[in-house]
Amino acid sequence: MHPVQVEAPAHGHMEKPHVAAIAIWIKRLAAKLWLGIREWCGDSAYERYLQAHRTKPEKCCLLTPGEFYVERVNRRYSRPNRCC
């Protein structure tokens, strides 16, 4: 008796790359959402500060993350707020 070879259906072959493409798309979407959330809540402010510091021609002292946070909080709450 000869061994019987069964071929996989044509759609089964295309299904795996499609699933992989969807997984990649979901991963990219999640990364973009995470970056957006970090921007919205201010978590990425120190990274943006470091990037801006690298591009400035004058090199002043670089703040540590703790110093940057204190300076940012002081700047935010030192202005008068007349909303209420």
C-alpha atoms as a PDB file:
ATOM      1  CA  MET A   1       0.000   0.000   0.000  1.00  0.00           C
ATOM      2  CA  HIS A   2       1.294   3.442  -0.941  1.00  0.00           C
ATOM      3  CA  PRO A   3       1.298   6.317   1.543  1.00  0.00           C
ATOM      4  CA  VAL A   4      -1.450   8.807   0.863  1.00  0.00           C
ATOM      5  CA  GLN A   5      -0.411  12.458   0.750  1.00  0.00           C
ATOM      6  CA  VAL A   6      -3.026  14.946   1.771  1.00  0.00           C
ATOM      7  CA  GLU A   7      -2.522  18.535   0.698  1.00  0.00           C
ATOM      8  CA  ALA A   8      -3.523  21.341   2.981  1.00  0.00           C
ATOM      9  CA  PRO A   9      -6.333  23.527   1.733  1.00  0.00           C
ATOM     10  CA  ALA A  10      -5.258  26.679  -0.071  1.00  0.00           C
ATOM     11  CA  HIS A  11      -6.826  29.011   2.495  1.00  0.00           C
ATOM     12  CA  GLY A  12      -4.882  27.337   5.342  1.00  0.00           C
ATOM     13  CA  HIS A  13      -1.607  28.394   3.778  1.00  0.00           C
ATOM     14  CA  MET A  14      -2.669  32.036   3.561  1.00  0.00           C
ATOM     15  CA  GLU A  15      -4.175  32.112   7.032  1.00  0.00           C
ATOM     16  CA  LYS A  16      -0.896  32.129   8.971  1.00  0.00           C
ATOM     17  CA  PRO A  17       0.639  35.199   7.276  1.00  0.00           C
ATOM     18  CA  HIS A  18      -2.702  36.996   7.706  1.00  0.00           C
ATOM     19  CA  VAL A  19      -2.738  36.224  11.439  1.00  0.00           C
ATOM     20  CA  ALA A  20       0.888  37.356  11.708  1.00  0.00           C
ATOM     21  CA  ALA A  21       0.061  40.622   9.924  1.00  0.00           C
ATOM     22  CA  ILE A  22      -2.826  41.250  12.317  1.00  0.00           C
ATOM     23  CA  ALA A  23      -0.583  40.529  15.299  1.00  0.00           C
ATOM     24  CA  ILE A  24       2.016  43.000  14.019  1.00  0.00           C
ATOM     25  CA  TRP A  25      -0.701  45.606  13.439  1.00  0.00           C
ATOM     26  CA  ILE A  26      -2.048  45.127  16.979  1.00  0.00           C
ATOM     27  CA  LYS A  27       1.453  45.397  18.438  1.00  0.00           C
ATOM     28  CA  ARG A  28       2.106  48.660  16.564  1.00  0.00           C
ATOM     29  CA  LEU A  29      -1.280  50.053  17.594  1.00  0.00           C
ATOM     30  CA  ALA A  30      -0.607  49.186  21.241  1.00  0.00           C
ATOM     31  CA  ALA A  31       2.806  50.893  21.066  1.00  0.00           C
ATOM     32  CA  LYS A  32       1.257  54.041  19.579  1.00  0.00           C
ATOM     33  CA  LEU A  33      -1.465  54.050  22.225  1.00  0.00           C
ATOM     34  CA  TRP A  34       1.125  53.638  24.973  1.00  0.00           C
ATOM     35  CA  LEU A  35       3.184  56.551  23.603  1.00  0.00           C
ATOM     36  CA  GLY A  36       0.044  58.669  23.386  1.00  0.00           C
ATOM     37  CA  ILE A  37      -0.888  57.912  26.983  1.00  0.00           C
ATOM     38  CA  ARG A  38       2.650  58.754  28.133  1.00  0.00           C
ATOM     39  CA  GLU A  39       2.485  62.088  26.278  1.00  0.00           C
ATOM     40  CA  TRP A  40      -0.976  62.870  27.644  1.00  0.00           C
ATOM     41  CA  CYS A  41      -0.069  62.262  31.284  1.00  0.00           C
ATOM     42  CA  GLY A  42       3.368  63.927  31.021  1.00  0.00           C
ATOM     43  CA  ASP A  43       5.405  60.798  31.681  1.00  0.00           C
ATOM     44  CA  SER A  44       7.584  61.391  28.608  1.00  0.00           C
ATOM     45  CA  ALA A  45       8.379  65.014  29.486  1.00  0.00           C
ATOM     46  CA  TYR A  46      11.871  64.180  30.769  1.00  0.00           C
ATOM     47  CA  GLU A  47      12.752  62.287  27.578  1.00  0.00           C
ATOM     48  CA  ARG A  48      11.597  65.284  25.508  1.00  0.00           C
ATOM     49  CA  TYR A  49      13.681  67.548  27.777  1.00  0.00           C
ATOM     50  CA  LEU A  50      16.767  65.414  27.134  1.00  0.00           C
ATOM     51  CA  GLN A  51      16.171  65.500  23.360  1.00  0.00           C
ATOM     52  CA  ALA A  52      15.775  69.275  23.413  1.00  0.00           C
ATOM     53  CA  HIS A  53      18.903  69.604  25.545  1.00  0.00           C
ATOM     54  CA  ARG A  54      20.944  67.620  22.992  1.00  0.00           C
ATOM     55  CA  THR A  55      19.847  69.865  20.120  1.00  0.00           C
ATOM     56  CA  LYS A  56      20.521  73.207  21.851  1.00  0.00           C
ATOM     57  CA  PRO A  57      23.845  74.829  20.951  1.00  0.00           C
ATOM     58  CA  GLU A  58      24.362  76.231  24.454  1.00  0.00           C
ATOM     59  CA  LYS A  59      25.049  73.489  26.934  1.00  0.00           C
ATOM     60  CA  CYS A  60      23.767  74.433  30.373  1.00  0.00           C
ATOM     61  CA  CYS A  61      23.577  72.111  33.319  1.00  0.00           C
ATOM     62  CA  LEU A  62      21.445  69.027  32.775  1.00  0.00           C
ATOM     63  CA  LEU A  63      18.762  68.377  35.393  1.00  0.00           C
ATOM     64  CA  THR A  64      18.324  64.975  36.961  1.00  0.00           C
ATOM     65  CA  PRO A  65      14.865  63.380  36.651  1.00  0.00           C
ATOM     66  CA  GLY A  66      14.059  64.407  40.232  1.00  0.00           C
ATOM     67  CA  GLU A  67      15.184  68.004  39.716  1.00  0.00           C
ATOM     68  CA  PHE A  68      13.252  68.168  36.453  1.00  0.00           C
ATOM     69  CA  TYR A  69      10.084  66.948  38.170  1.00  0.00           C
ATOM     70  CA  VAL A  70      10.393  69.490  41.004  1.00  0.00           C
ATOM     71  CA  GLU A  71      11.049  72.309  38.506  1.00  0.00           C
ATOM     72  CA  ARG A  72       8.062  71.247  36.427  1.00  0.00           C
ATOM     73  CA  VAL A  73       5.733  71.100  39.443  1.00  0.00           C
ATOM     74  CA  ASN A  74       6.973  74.487  40.679  1.00  0.00           C
ATOM     75  CA  ARG A  75       6.462  76.013  37.229  1.00  0.00           C
ATOM     76  CA  ARG A  76       2.957  74.554  36.959  1.00  0.00           C
ATOM     77  CA  TYR A  77       1.733  75.733  40.364  1.00  0.00           C
ATOM     78  CA  SER A  78       3.548  79.069  40.617  1.00  0.00           C
ATOM     79  CA  ARG A  79       1.213  80.758  38.102  1.00  0.00           C
ATOM     80  CA  PRO A  80      -2.030  82.248  39.366  1.00  0.00           C
ATOM     81  CA  ASN A  81      -5.086  80.186  38.577  1.00  0.00           C
ATOM     82  CA  ARG A  82      -8.272  82.189  38.326  1.00  0.00           C
ATOM     83  CA  CYS A  83     -10.631  79.535  37.078  1.00  0.00           C
ATOM     84  CA  CYS A  84     -12.714  79.367  40.290  1.00  0.00           C
END
